[in-house]
Amino acid sequence: MKPKLLTASAVLFVIALIIILMFVLNASPHIYKKSEILMDTVITLTVVSNSERRADEAIESAFNNLRRLERLLSFFDAGSEVSAINKNAGIGAVKVSPDTFELTTIALEKAELSCGAFNPVIGPAMVLWDFKNNKRPADSELKNVLPLLDYTRIVLNGSDSSVMLMDKGMVLDLGGIAKGYAADRTVELLKRAGMKAGIAAMAGDIRVWGTRPDGSPWRVGIRAPRGTSDDLIGVLSLEDLAVSTSGDYERFFIEGGIRYHHLIEPTTGYPAGDFQSVTIVNPEGVVTDSLSTAVFVMGREKALRFIKKNKLMAYLIYADGTTYTTENLRALFDNR
């Protein structure tokens, strides 16, 4: 029996199918991005993908997870798990989700590593400062709340995943590390969704993975503290790294020639004064987010010792405008 010959229409169909498959397989990667306001800031997710549909689906899934994290961790949402912990301060432990327990555990680890310079219970001092109306608290008010800033009074129970603040009036605020944590979780999710590379940018906390479609590293600018939001003092070229900057220009007012800002030194309740900004680079967002704040409030000498001991990649702008770049960051840093 002779084999049947394909009809002309069947041949054309096969050719068309081959062309479509070749196009799909060889589609060049593109950059896709989307921004939303979440976690009290603008969050922009950028991915590199061969498919706009898959990119959109991955980004939307990531934003859904960020909304979930915000509902758990928000200091301002009365229904969040953090708010439940604060309402029960001095009363009892609160059973929380794995994310809240994990982040609180990490926050305590960073507090211990920095000898309290990063402090997840700085809240009682923070709420006394009114940066919106340019009002600072009385010395006596700050002195009264200092005993409530003892992070060692946080009790974690791994057996039932519970958190307790031992003293009434204590306030847990994970805002100094939550965005870094969220960036880490977002990158993990986007990688699992098949995204080749991208950026999770959450204001001053950014994590990148992979490279741009042309193979070049991602470029992340560092803001000039005394310029506008568009003025850069330098640019970092990054692959598979996170970067966070803490600066005295985000929430502040000036009174009597003194700049009062939101980066509070836990032993005094007053803003730290040795830096204009601190930038930390590390593979993990929870490290950069927490330790940029810690280094800022340590003061110049302690900060330099801490950076050297922990081999941190850091870029520092001192209060007088002079700068310092660690040796291990110089290859990634371009001055403007």
C-alpha atoms as a PDB file:
ATOM      1  CA  MET A   1       0.000   0.000   0.000  1.00  0.00           C
ATOM      2  CA  LYS A   2       1.353   3.401  -0.939  1.00  0.00           C
ATOM      3  CA  PRO A   3       1.558   6.017   1.850  1.00  0.00           C
ATOM      4  CA  LYS A   4      -0.981   8.793   1.609  1.00  0.00           C
ATOM      5  CA  LEU A   5       0.354  12.148   0.487  1.00  0.00           C
ATOM      6  CA  LEU A   6      -0.456  15.258   2.469  1.00  0.00           C
ATOM      7  CA  THR A   7      -2.834  17.637   0.816  1.00  0.00           C
ATOM      8  CA  ALA A   8      -1.663  21.167   0.042  1.00  0.00           C
ATOM      9  CA  SER A   9      -3.759  22.576   2.885  1.00  0.00           C
ATOM     10  CA  ALA A  10      -2.276  20.085   5.367  1.00  0.00           C
ATOM     11  CA  VAL A  11       1.231  21.006   4.277  1.00  0.00           C
ATOM     12  CA  LEU A  12       0.494  24.686   4.756  1.00  0.00           C
ATOM     13  CA  PHE A  13      -0.935  23.936   8.226  1.00  0.00           C
ATOM     14  CA  VAL A  14       2.207  22.057   9.259  1.00  0.00           C
ATOM     15  CA  ILE A  15       4.427  24.867   7.959  1.00  0.00           C
ATOM     16  CA  ALA A  16       2.374  27.463   9.819  1.00  0.00           C
ATOM     17  CA  LEU A  17       2.563  25.398  13.005  1.00  0.00           C
ATOM     18  CA  ILE A  18       6.338  25.115  12.704  1.00  0.00           C
ATOM     19  CA  ILE A  19       6.638  28.869  12.190  1.00  0.00           C
ATOM     20  CA  ILE A  20       4.487  29.565  15.257  1.00  0.00           C
ATOM     21  CA  LEU A  21       6.528  27.150  17.379  1.00  0.00           C
ATOM     22  CA  MET A  22       9.775  28.723  16.188  1.00  0.00           C
ATOM     23  CA  PHE A  23       8.437  32.161  17.035  1.00  0.00           C
ATOM     24  CA  VAL A  24       7.382  31.087  20.523  1.00  0.00           C
ATOM     25  CA  LEU A  25      10.639  29.287  21.234  1.00  0.00           C
ATOM     26  CA  ASN A  26      12.767  32.131  19.939  1.00  0.00           C
ATOM     27  CA  ALA A  27      10.730  35.037  21.264  1.00  0.00           C
ATOM     28  CA  SER A  28      13.106  37.561  22.713  1.00  0.00           C
ATOM     29  CA  PRO A  29      12.660  38.463  26.389  1.00  0.00           C
ATOM     30  CA  HIS A  30      11.089  41.808  27.240  1.00  0.00           C
ATOM     31  CA  ILE A  31      10.746  43.901  30.378  1.00  0.00           C
ATOM     32  CA  TYR A  32       7.288  44.163  31.922  1.00  0.00           C
ATOM     33  CA  LYS A  33       6.389  46.187  34.996  1.00  0.00           C
ATOM     34  CA  LYS A  34       3.491  47.316  37.164  1.00  0.00           C
ATOM     35  CA  SER A  35       3.159  49.603  40.202  1.00  0.00           C
ATOM     36  CA  GLU A  36       0.694  49.715  43.087  1.00  0.00           C
ATOM     37  CA  ILE A  37       0.446  51.541  46.403  1.00  0.00           C
ATOM     38  CA  LEU A  38       0.855  48.972  49.170  1.00  0.00           C
ATOM     39  CA  MET A  39       2.571  48.825  52.562  1.00  0.00           C
ATOM     40  CA  ASP A  40       2.373  52.616  52.794  1.00  0.00           C
ATOM     41  CA  THR A  41       4.529  53.144  49.700  1.00  0.00           C
ATOM     42  CA  VAL A  42       4.680  52.728  45.924  1.00  0.00           C
ATOM     43  CA  ILE A  43       5.756  49.195  44.999  1.00  0.00           C
ATOM     44  CA  THR A  44       6.977  48.493  41.470  1.00  0.00           C
ATOM     45  CA  LEU A  45       7.511  44.964  40.214  1.00  0.00           C
ATOM     46  CA  THR A  46       9.597  44.491  37.061  1.00  0.00           C
ATOM     47  CA  VAL A  47      10.145  41.159  35.329  1.00  0.00           C
ATOM     48  CA  VAL A  48      11.939  39.833  32.269  1.00  0.00           C
ATOM     49  CA  SER A  49       9.891  37.286  30.329  1.00  0.00           C
ATOM     50  CA  ASN A  50       9.292  35.896  26.845  1.00  0.00           C
ATOM     51  CA  SER A  51       5.543  36.125  27.403  1.00  0.00           C
ATOM     52  CA  GLU A  52       3.508  39.180  28.339  1.00  0.00           C
ATOM     53  CA  ARG A  53       0.668  36.953  29.530  1.00  0.00           C
ATOM     54  CA  ARG A  54       2.901  34.938  31.869  1.00  0.00           C
ATOM     55  CA  ALA A  55       4.538  38.135  33.097  1.00  0.00           C
ATOM     56  CA  ASP A  56       1.164  39.703  33.902  1.00  0.00           C
ATOM     57  CA  GLU A  57       0.004  36.568  35.704  1.00  0.00           C
ATOM     58  CA  ALA A  58       3.196  36.351  37.760  1.00  0.00           C
ATOM     59  CA  ILE A  59       3.109  40.039  38.703  1.00  0.00           C
ATOM     60  CA  GLU A  60      -0.545  39.863  39.734  1.00  0.00           C
ATOM     61  CA  SER A  61       0.128  36.776  41.863  1.00  0.00           C
ATOM     62  CA  ALA A  62       3.004  38.619  43.535  1.00  0.00           C
ATOM     63  CA  PHE A  63       0.824  41.638  44.278  1.00  0.00           C
ATOM     64  CA  ASN A  64      -1.855  39.376  45.753  1.00  0.00           C
ATOM     65  CA  ASN A  65       0.756  37.966  48.113  1.00  0.00           C
ATOM     66  CA  LEU A  66       1.904  41.476  49.037  1.00  0.00           C
ATOM     67  CA  ARG A  67      -1.678  42.409  49.891  1.00  0.00           C
ATOM     68  CA  ARG A  68      -1.819  39.352  52.131  1.00  0.00           C
ATOM     69  CA  LEU A  69       1.415  40.326  53.873  1.00  0.00           C
ATOM     70  CA  GLU A  70       0.153  43.870  54.361  1.00  0.00           C
ATOM     71  CA  ARG A  71      -3.004  42.561  56.080  1.00  0.00           C
ATOM     72  CA  LEU A  72      -0.806  40.549  58.468  1.00  0.00           C
ATOM     73  CA  LEU A  73       2.002  43.004  59.186  1.00  0.00           C
ATOM     74  CA  SER A  74       0.544  46.497  58.966  1.00  0.00           C
ATOM     75  CA  PHE A  75       1.139  48.672  62.017  1.00  0.00           C
ATOM     76  CA  PHE A  76      -1.767  50.905  60.977  1.00  0.00           C
ATOM     77  CA  ASP A  77      -4.409  48.251  60.215  1.00  0.00           C
ATOM     78  CA  ALA A  78      -6.427  47.573  63.371  1.00  0.00           C
ATOM     79  CA  GLY A  79      -7.198  44.076  62.072  1.00  0.00           C
ATOM     80  CA  SER A  80      -3.599  43.005  61.425  1.00  0.00           C
ATOM     81  CA  GLU A  81      -1.734  40.423  63.469  1.00  0.00           C
ATOM     82  CA  VAL A  82       0.783  43.080  64.514  1.00  0.00           C
ATOM     83  CA  SER A  83      -2.083  45.180  65.902  1.00  0.00           C
ATOM     84  CA  ALA A  84      -3.399  42.132  67.771  1.00  0.00           C
ATOM     85  CA  ILE A  85       0.018  41.651  69.367  1.00  0.00           C
ATOM     86  CA  ASN A  86       0.085  45.312  70.411  1.00  0.00           C
ATOM     87  CA  LYS A  87      -3.452  45.224  71.827  1.00  0.00           C
ATOM     88  CA  ASN A  88      -2.433  42.290  74.010  1.00  0.00           C
ATOM     89  CA  ALA A  89       0.832  43.797  75.257  1.00  0.00           C
ATOM     90  CA  GLY A  90       1.231  42.919  78.930  1.00  0.00           C
ATOM     91  CA  ILE A  91      -1.859  40.711  78.742  1.00  0.00           C
ATOM     92  CA  GLY A  92      -1.118  37.554  76.792  1.00  0.00           C
ATOM     93  CA  ALA A  93       0.469  35.859  73.806  1.00  0.00           C
ATOM     94  CA  VAL A  94      -1.088  36.017  70.336  1.00  0.00           C
ATOM     95  CA  LYS A  95      -0.942  33.079  67.955  1.00  0.00           C
ATOM     96  CA  VAL A  96       0.132  34.331  64.536  1.00  0.00           C
ATOM     97  CA  SER A  97       0.679  33.123  60.977  1.00  0.00           C
ATOM     98  CA  PRO A  98       3.994  31.631  59.839  1.00  0.00           C
ATOM     99  CA  ASP A  99       4.943  34.871  58.052  1.00  0.00           C
ATOM    100  CA  THR A 100       4.387  37.092  61.090  1.00  0.00           C
ATOM    101  CA  PHE A 101       6.221  34.669  63.371  1.00  0.00           C
ATOM    102  CA  GLU A 102       9.130  34.305  60.935  1.00  0.00           C
ATOM    103  CA  LEU A 103       9.514  38.051  60.432  1.00  0.00           C
ATOM    104  CA  THR A 104       9.314  38.797  64.163  1.00  0.00           C
ATOM    105  CA  THR A 105      11.968  36.139  64.736  1.00  0.00           C
ATOM    106  CA  ILE A 106      14.231  37.680  62.095  1.00  0.00           C
ATOM    107  CA  ALA A 107      13.621  41.158  63.534  1.00  0.00           C
ATOM    108  CA  LEU A 108      14.768  39.956  66.947  1.00  0.00           C
ATOM    109  CA  GLU A 109      17.860  38.372  65.407  1.00  0.00           C
ATOM    110  CA  LYS A 110      18.785  41.670  63.744  1.00  0.00           C
ATOM    111  CA  ALA A 111      18.133  43.547  66.994  1.00  0.00           C
ATOM    112  CA  GLU A 112      20.506  41.228  68.843  1.00  0.00           C
ATOM    113  CA  LEU A 113      23.102  41.389  66.053  1.00  0.00           C
ATOM    114  CA  SER A 114      23.078  45.202  66.185  1.00  0.00           C
ATOM    115  CA  CYS A 115      22.875  45.393  70.003  1.00  0.00           C
ATOM    116  CA  GLY A 116      19.499  47.076  69.744  1.00  0.00           C
ATOM    117  CA  ALA A 117      20.374  49.677  67.095  1.00  0.00           C
ATOM    118  CA  PHE A 118      17.685  48.034  64.998  1.00  0.00           C
ATOM    119  CA  ASN A 119      14.715  47.983  67.355  1.00  0.00           C
ATOM    120  CA  PRO A 120      11.331  46.463  66.424  1.00  0.00           C
ATOM    121  CA  VAL A 121       9.665  47.980  69.523  1.00  0.00           C
ATOM    122  CA  ILE A 122      10.741  51.584  68.867  1.00  0.00           C
ATOM    123  CA  GLY A 123       7.040  52.450  68.417  1.00  0.00           C
ATOM    124  CA  PRO A 124       6.346  54.204  71.772  1.00  0.00           C
ATOM    125  CA  ALA A 125       9.047  56.764  70.963  1.00  0.00           C
ATOM    126  CA  MET A 126       8.128  57.084  67.287  1.00  0.00           C
ATOM    127  CA  VAL A 127       4.489  57.983  67.940  1.00  0.00           C
ATOM    128  CA  LEU A 128       5.556  60.952  70.077  1.00  0.00           C
ATOM    129  CA  TRP A 129       7.182  62.629  67.074  1.00  0.00           C
ATOM    130  CA  ASP A 130       4.733  64.528  64.864  1.00  0.00           C
ATOM    131  CA  PHE A 131       6.562  65.038  61.578  1.00  0.00           C
ATOM    132  CA  LYS A 132       3.368  66.057  59.795  1.00  0.00           C
ATOM    133  CA  ASN A 133       2.872  69.051  62.046  1.00  0.00           C
ATOM    134  CA  ASN A 134       6.559  69.667  62.810  1.00  0.00           C
ATOM    135  CA  LYS A 135       6.201  69.027  66.535  1.00  0.00           C
ATOM    136  CA  ARG A 136       8.714  67.301  68.765  1.00  0.00           C
ATOM    137  CA  PRO A 137       7.927  65.726  72.152  1.00  0.00           C
ATOM    138  CA  ALA A 138       9.031  67.053  75.513  1.00  0.00           C
ATOM    139  CA  ASP A 139      12.158  65.531  77.016  1.00  0.00           C
ATOM    140  CA  SER A 140      10.074  64.109  79.862  1.00  0.00           C
ATOM    141  CA  GLU A 141       7.732  62.327  77.427  1.00  0.00           C
ATOM    142  CA  LEU A 142      10.617  60.575  75.730  1.00  0.00           C
ATOM    143  CA  LYS A 143      12.248  59.657  79.029  1.00  0.00           C
ATOM    144  CA  ASN A 144       9.015  58.040  80.221  1.00  0.00           C
ATOM    145  CA  VAL A 145       8.757  55.687  77.240  1.00  0.00           C
ATOM    146  CA  LEU A 146      12.393  54.535  77.089  1.00  0.00           C
ATOM    147  CA  PRO A 147      11.738  51.478  79.337  1.00  0.00           C
ATOM    148  CA  LEU A 148       9.178  50.306  76.742  1.00  0.00           C
ATOM    149  CA  LEU A 149      11.864  50.091  74.037  1.00  0.00           C
ATOM    150  CA  ASP A 150      13.427  46.925  75.450  1.00  0.00           C
ATOM    151  CA  TYR A 151      13.318  44.405  72.591  1.00  0.00           C
ATOM    152  CA  THR A 152      14.373  41.593  74.951  1.00  0.00           C
ATOM    153  CA  ARG A 153      10.832  41.795  76.386  1.00  0.00           C
ATOM    154  CA  ILE A 154       9.448  40.197  73.214  1.00  0.00           C
ATOM    155  CA  VAL A 155       8.693  36.523  73.851  1.00  0.00           C
ATOM    156  CA  LEU A 156       8.427  34.052  70.957  1.00  0.00           C
ATOM    157  CA  ASN A 157       6.983  30.577  71.389  1.00  0.00           C
ATOM    158  CA  GLY A 158       7.756  28.300  68.473  1.00  0.00           C
ATOM    159  CA  SER A 159       5.557  25.475  69.756  1.00  0.00           C
ATOM    160  CA  ASP A 160       2.345  27.409  69.105  1.00  0.00           C
ATOM    161  CA  SER A 161       3.715  30.172  66.832  1.00  0.00           C
ATOM    162  CA  SER A 162       2.827  32.936  69.294  1.00  0.00           C
ATOM    163  CA  VAL A 163       4.254  36.368  70.070  1.00  0.00           C
ATOM    164  CA  MET A 164       3.925  38.325  73.304  1.00  0.00           C
ATOM    165  CA  LEU A 165       5.032  41.768  74.425  1.00  0.00           C
ATOM    166  CA  MET A 166       5.679  41.397  78.135  1.00  0.00           C
ATOM    167  CA  ASP A 167       4.879  44.954  79.247  1.00  0.00           C
ATOM    168  CA  LYS A 168       1.738  46.996  78.773  1.00  0.00           C
ATOM    169  CA  GLY A 169       2.436  49.952  76.521  1.00  0.00           C
ATOM    170  CA  MET A 170       5.014  48.148  74.379  1.00  0.00           C
ATOM    171  CA  VAL A 171       4.461  48.481  70.630  1.00  0.00           C
ATOM    172  CA  LEU A 172       5.718  46.116  67.930  1.00  0.00           C
ATOM    173  CA  ASP A 173       6.406  47.866  64.621  1.00  0.00           C
ATOM    174  CA  LEU A 174       7.967  45.752  61.875  1.00  0.00           C
ATOM    175  CA  GLY A 175       8.014  48.637  59.393  1.00  0.00           C
ATOM    176  CA  GLY A 176      11.815  48.804  59.554  1.00  0.00           C
ATOM    177  CA  ILE A 177      12.184  45.308  58.088  1.00  0.00           C
ATOM    178  CA  ALA A 178       8.835  44.343  56.513  1.00  0.00           C
ATOM    179  CA  LYS A 179       9.562  45.771  53.059  1.00  0.00           C
ATOM    180  CA  GLY A 180      12.852  43.913  52.845  1.00  0.00           C
ATOM    181  CA  TYR A 181      11.085  40.709  53.870  1.00  0.00           C
ATOM    182  CA  ALA A 182       8.323  41.356  51.347  1.00  0.00           C
ATOM    183  CA  ALA A 183      10.900  41.946  48.602  1.00  0.00           C
ATOM    184  CA  ASP A 184      12.569  38.602  49.408  1.00  0.00           C
ATOM    185  CA  ARG A 185       9.269  36.719  49.328  1.00  0.00           C
ATOM    186  CA  THR A 186       8.233  38.478  46.112  1.00  0.00           C
ATOM    187  CA  VAL A 187      11.420  37.509  44.293  1.00  0.00           C
ATOM    188  CA  GLU A 188      11.002  33.886  45.408  1.00  0.00           C
ATOM    189  CA  LEU A 189       7.448  33.845  44.054  1.00  0.00           C
ATOM    190  CA  LEU A 190       8.382  35.453  40.730  1.00  0.00           C
ATOM    191  CA  LYS A 191      11.258  33.015  40.250  1.00  0.00           C
ATOM    192  CA  ARG A 192       8.913  30.073  40.845  1.00  0.00           C
ATOM    193  CA  ALA A 193       6.598  31.545  38.225  1.00  0.00           C
ATOM    194  CA  GLY A 194       9.419  31.297  35.688  1.00  0.00           C
ATOM    195  CA  MET A 195      10.440  34.931  35.529  1.00  0.00           C
ATOM    196  CA  LYS A 196      14.035  35.072  34.283  1.00  0.00           C
ATOM    197  CA  ALA A 197      15.011  38.298  36.043  1.00  0.00           C
ATOM    198  CA  GLY A 198      13.584  41.455  37.504  1.00  0.00           C
ATOM    199  CA  ILE A 199      13.291  43.961  40.310  1.00  0.00           C
ATOM    200  CA  ALA A 200      11.089  44.169  43.403  1.00  0.00           C
ATOM    201  CA  ALA A 201      11.261  47.860  44.335  1.00  0.00           C
ATOM    202  CA  MET A 202       9.609  49.017  47.543  1.00  0.00           C
ATOM    203  CA  ALA A 203      10.631  52.659  47.947  1.00  0.00           C
ATOM    204  CA  GLY A 204      14.153  52.589  49.424  1.00  0.00           C
ATOM    205  CA  ASP A 205      14.220  48.778  49.613  1.00  0.00           C
ATOM    206  CA  ILE A 206      15.040  47.018  46.352  1.00  0.00           C
ATOM    207  CA  ARG A 207      15.950  43.460  45.411  1.00  0.00           C
ATOM    208  CA  VAL A 208      17.063  42.400  41.941  1.00  0.00           C
ATOM    209  CA  TRP A 209      17.735  39.032  40.353  1.00  0.00           C
ATOM    210  CA  GLY A 210      19.238  38.063  37.037  1.00  0.00           C
ATOM    211  CA  THR A 211      20.153  40.662  34.420  1.00  0.00           C
ATOM    212  CA  ARG A 212      18.494  42.915  31.895  1.00  0.00           C
ATOM    213  CA  PRO A 213      17.537  41.313  28.546  1.00  0.00           C
ATOM    214  CA  ASP A 214      20.832  42.486  27.015  1.00  0.00           C
ATOM    215  CA  GLY A 215      22.817  40.786  29.791  1.00  0.00           C
ATOM    216  CA  SER A 216      23.776  43.977  31.595  1.00  0.00           C
ATOM    217  CA  PRO A 217      23.246  44.405  35.359  1.00  0.00           C
ATOM    218  CA  TRP A 218      20.349  46.334  36.824  1.00  0.00           C
ATOM    219  CA  ARG A 219      21.162  49.957  37.668  1.00  0.00           C
ATOM    220  CA  VAL A 220      19.883  51.304  40.996  1.00  0.00           C
ATOM    221  CA  GLY A 221      20.339  54.966  41.885  1.00  0.00           C
ATOM    222  CA  ILE A 222      21.218  56.346  45.325  1.00  0.00           C
ATOM    223  CA  ARG A 223      19.481  59.595  46.094  1.00  0.00           C
ATOM    224  CA  ALA A 224      21.458  62.719  46.987  1.00  0.00           C
ATOM    225  CA  PRO A 225      20.143  63.494  50.503  1.00  0.00           C
ATOM    226  CA  ARG A 226      20.111  67.267  50.065  1.00  0.00           C
ATOM    227  CA  GLY A 227      18.773  67.258  46.498  1.00  0.00           C
ATOM    228  CA  THR A 228      15.368  66.512  45.022  1.00  0.00           C
ATOM    229  CA  SER A 229      14.023  62.990  44.739  1.00  0.00           C
ATOM    230  CA  ASP A 230      15.435  62.854  41.185  1.00  0.00           C
ATOM    231  CA  ASP A 231      18.974  63.897  42.146  1.00  0.00           C
ATOM    232  CA  LEU A 232      21.394  60.971  42.400  1.00  0.00           C
ATOM    233  CA  ILE A 233      24.749  60.864  44.134  1.00  0.00           C
ATOM    234  CA  GLY A 234      25.666  57.485  42.668  1.00  0.00           C
ATOM    235  CA  VAL A 235      24.451  54.388  40.831  1.00  0.00           C
ATOM    236  CA  LEU A 236      24.879  50.724  41.753  1.00  0.00           C
ATOM    237  CA  SER A 237      25.176  47.964  39.142  1.00  0.00           C
ATOM    238  CA  LEU A 238      23.555  44.898  40.704  1.00  0.00           C
ATOM    239  CA  GLU A 239      22.794  41.248  39.957  1.00  0.00           C
ATOM    240  CA  ASP A 240      21.108  38.961  42.511  1.00  0.00           C
ATOM    241  CA  LEU A 241      21.432  41.478  45.329  1.00  0.00           C
ATOM    242  CA  ALA A 242      19.275  43.653  47.549  1.00  0.00           C
ATOM    243  CA  VAL A 243      19.905  47.273  48.459  1.00  0.00           C
ATOM    244  CA  SER A 244      18.318  49.540  51.071  1.00  0.00           C
ATOM    245  CA  THR A 245      18.927  53.186  51.884  1.00  0.00           C
ATOM    246  CA  SER A 246      17.938  54.876  55.134  1.00  0.00           C
ATOM    247  CA  GLY A 247      18.041  58.666  54.993  1.00  0.00           C
ATOM    248  CA  ASP A 248      17.222  61.713  57.115  1.00  0.00           C
ATOM    249  CA  TYR A 249      15.258  63.260  54.223  1.00  0.00           C
ATOM    250  CA  GLU A 250      12.220  60.967  54.207  1.00  0.00           C
ATOM    251  CA  ARG A 251      10.260  62.332  57.195  1.00  0.00           C
ATOM    252  CA  PHE A 252      11.710  65.364  58.915  1.00  0.00           C
ATOM    253  CA  PHE A 253      11.366  68.980  59.984  1.00  0.00           C
ATOM    254  CA  ILE A 254      13.911  71.633  60.871  1.00  0.00           C
ATOM    255  CA  GLU A 255      13.671  73.640  64.073  1.00  0.00           C
ATOM    256  CA  GLY A 256      16.312  76.000  65.349  1.00  0.00           C
ATOM    257  CA  GLY A 257      18.670  74.866  62.615  1.00  0.00           C
ATOM    258  CA  ILE A 258      18.399  71.221  63.750  1.00  0.00           C
ATOM    259  CA  ARG A 259      17.015  68.514  61.465  1.00  0.00           C
ATOM    260  CA  TYR A 260      14.633  66.198  63.337  1.00  0.00           C
ATOM    261  CA  HIS A 261      13.874  63.021  61.389  1.00  0.00           C
ATOM    262  CA  HIS A 262      12.292  59.581  61.790  1.00  0.00           C
ATOM    263  CA  LEU A 263      15.442  57.503  62.377  1.00  0.00           C
ATOM    264  CA  ILE A 264      15.322  57.347  66.156  1.00  0.00           C
ATOM    265  CA  GLU A 265      18.178  56.279  68.422  1.00  0.00           C
ATOM    266  CA  PRO A 266      16.589  53.766  70.854  1.00  0.00           C
ATOM    267  CA  THR A 267      18.632  54.705  73.941  1.00  0.00           C
ATOM    268  CA  THR A 268      17.600  58.392  73.765  1.00  0.00           C
ATOM    269  CA  GLY A 269      14.380  58.574  71.744  1.00  0.00           C
ATOM    270  CA  TYR A 270      15.921  61.335  69.618  1.00  0.00           C
ATOM    271  CA  PRO A 271      16.904  61.249  65.933  1.00  0.00           C
ATOM    272  CA  ALA A 272      20.439  60.021  65.230  1.00  0.00           C
ATOM    273  CA  GLY A 273      22.728  62.739  63.936  1.00  0.00           C
ATOM    274  CA  ASP A 274      25.917  61.309  62.405  1.00  0.00           C
ATOM    275  CA  PHE A 275      24.621  60.475  58.908  1.00  0.00           C
ATOM    276  CA  GLN A 276      22.571  61.904  56.074  1.00  0.00           C
ATOM    277  CA  SER A 277      22.045  58.461  54.562  1.00  0.00           C
ATOM    278  CA  VAL A 278      23.245  54.871  54.818  1.00  0.00           C
ATOM    279  CA  THR A 279      23.064  52.346  51.972  1.00  0.00           C
ATOM    280  CA  ILE A 280      23.598  48.617  52.573  1.00  0.00           C
ATOM    281  CA  VAL A 281      23.927  45.929  49.866  1.00  0.00           C
ATOM    282  CA  ASN A 282      23.457  42.219  50.594  1.00  0.00           C
ATOM    283  CA  PRO A 283      21.849  39.168  48.944  1.00  0.00           C
ATOM    284  CA  GLU A 284      18.848  39.424  51.331  1.00  0.00           C
ATOM    285  CA  GLY A 285      16.357  42.260  51.664  1.00  0.00           C
ATOM    286  CA  VAL A 286      15.709  41.562  55.353  1.00  0.00           C
ATOM    287  CA  VAL A 287      19.398  42.246  55.971  1.00  0.00           C
ATOM    288  CA  THR A 288      19.635  45.471  53.979  1.00  0.00           C
ATOM    289  CA  ASP A 289      16.336  46.874  55.271  1.00  0.00           C
ATOM    290  CA  SER A 290      17.084  46.299  58.962  1.00  0.00           C
ATOM    291  CA  LEU A 291      20.810  46.997  58.953  1.00  0.00           C
ATOM    292  CA  SER A 292      20.656  50.241  56.969  1.00  0.00           C
ATOM    293  CA  THR A 293      18.560  51.583  59.852  1.00  0.00           C
ATOM    294  CA  ALA A 294      20.817  49.997  62.469  1.00  0.00           C
ATOM    295  CA  VAL A 295      23.995  51.447  60.993  1.00  0.00           C
ATOM    296  CA  PHE A 296      22.378  54.885  60.692  1.00  0.00           C
ATOM    297  CA  VAL A 297      21.473  55.095  64.388  1.00  0.00           C
ATOM    298  CA  MET A 298      24.723  53.556  65.688  1.00  0.00           C
ATOM    299  CA  GLY A 299      26.763  56.663  65.105  1.00  0.00           C
ATOM    300  CA  ARG A 300      29.934  56.960  63.068  1.00  0.00           C
ATOM    301  CA  GLU A 301      32.502  54.988  65.064  1.00  0.00           C
ATOM    302  CA  LYS A 302      30.252  52.106  66.118  1.00  0.00           C
ATOM    303  CA  ALA A 303      28.874  51.899  62.584  1.00  0.00           C
ATOM    304  CA  LEU A 304      32.315  51.517  61.010  1.00  0.00           C
ATOM    305  CA  ARG A 305      33.275  48.783  63.477  1.00  0.00           C
ATOM    306  CA  PHE A 306      29.978  46.980  62.875  1.00  0.00           C
ATOM    307  CA  ILE A 307      30.348  47.180  59.090  1.00  0.00           C
ATOM    308  CA  LYS A 308      33.889  45.813  59.225  1.00  0.00           C
ATOM    309  CA  LYS A 309      33.034  43.024  61.671  1.00  0.00           C
ATOM    310  CA  ASN A 310      30.084  41.819  59.577  1.00  0.00           C
ATOM    311  CA  LYS A 311      31.799  42.427  56.204  1.00  0.00           C
ATOM    312  CA  LEU A 312      28.895  44.550  54.994  1.00  0.00           C
ATOM    313  CA  MET A 313      28.835  46.320  51.653  1.00  0.00           C
ATOM    314  CA  ALA A 314      28.034  49.915  52.555  1.00  0.00           C
ATOM    315  CA  TYR A 315      27.931  53.451  51.216  1.00  0.00           C
ATOM    316  CA  LEU A 316      27.768  56.141  53.893  1.00  0.00           C
ATOM    317  CA  ILE A 317      27.042  59.848  53.633  1.00  0.00           C
ATOM    318  CA  TYR A 318      28.058  61.592  56.851  1.00  0.00           C
ATOM    319  CA  ALA A 319      26.278  64.571  58.368  1.00  0.00           C
ATOM    320  CA  ASP A 320      28.903  66.938  56.901  1.00  0.00           C
ATOM    321  CA  GLY A 321      28.322  65.583  53.383  1.00  0.00           C
ATOM    322  CA  THR A 322      31.534  63.546  53.137  1.00  0.00           C
ATOM    323  CA  THR A 323      31.213  59.926  52.021  1.00  0.00           C
ATOM    324  CA  TYR A 324      32.682  56.483  52.599  1.00  0.00           C
ATOM    325  CA  THR A 325      32.415  53.400  50.379  1.00  0.00           C
ATOM    326  CA  THR A 326      33.514  49.990  51.620  1.00  0.00           C
ATOM    327  CA  GLU A 327      36.137  48.232  49.528  1.00  0.00           C
ATOM    328  CA  ASN A 328      33.798  45.342  48.713  1.00  0.00           C
ATOM    329  CA  LEU A 329      31.222  47.715  47.142  1.00  0.00           C
ATOM    330  CA  ARG A 330      33.479  49.918  45.024  1.00  0.00           C
ATOM    331  CA  ALA A 331      33.386  47.717  41.934  1.00  0.00           C
ATOM    332  CA  LEU A 332      29.580  48.009  41.877  1.00  0.00           C
ATOM    333  CA  PHE A 333      29.377  51.748  42.563  1.00  0.00           C
ATOM    334  CA  ASP A 334      29.553  54.647  40.099  1.00  0.00           C
ATOM    335  CA  ASN A 335      29.805  58.159  41.536  1.00  0.00           C
ATOM    336  CA  ARG A 336      27.793  60.919  39.916  1.00  0.00           C
END
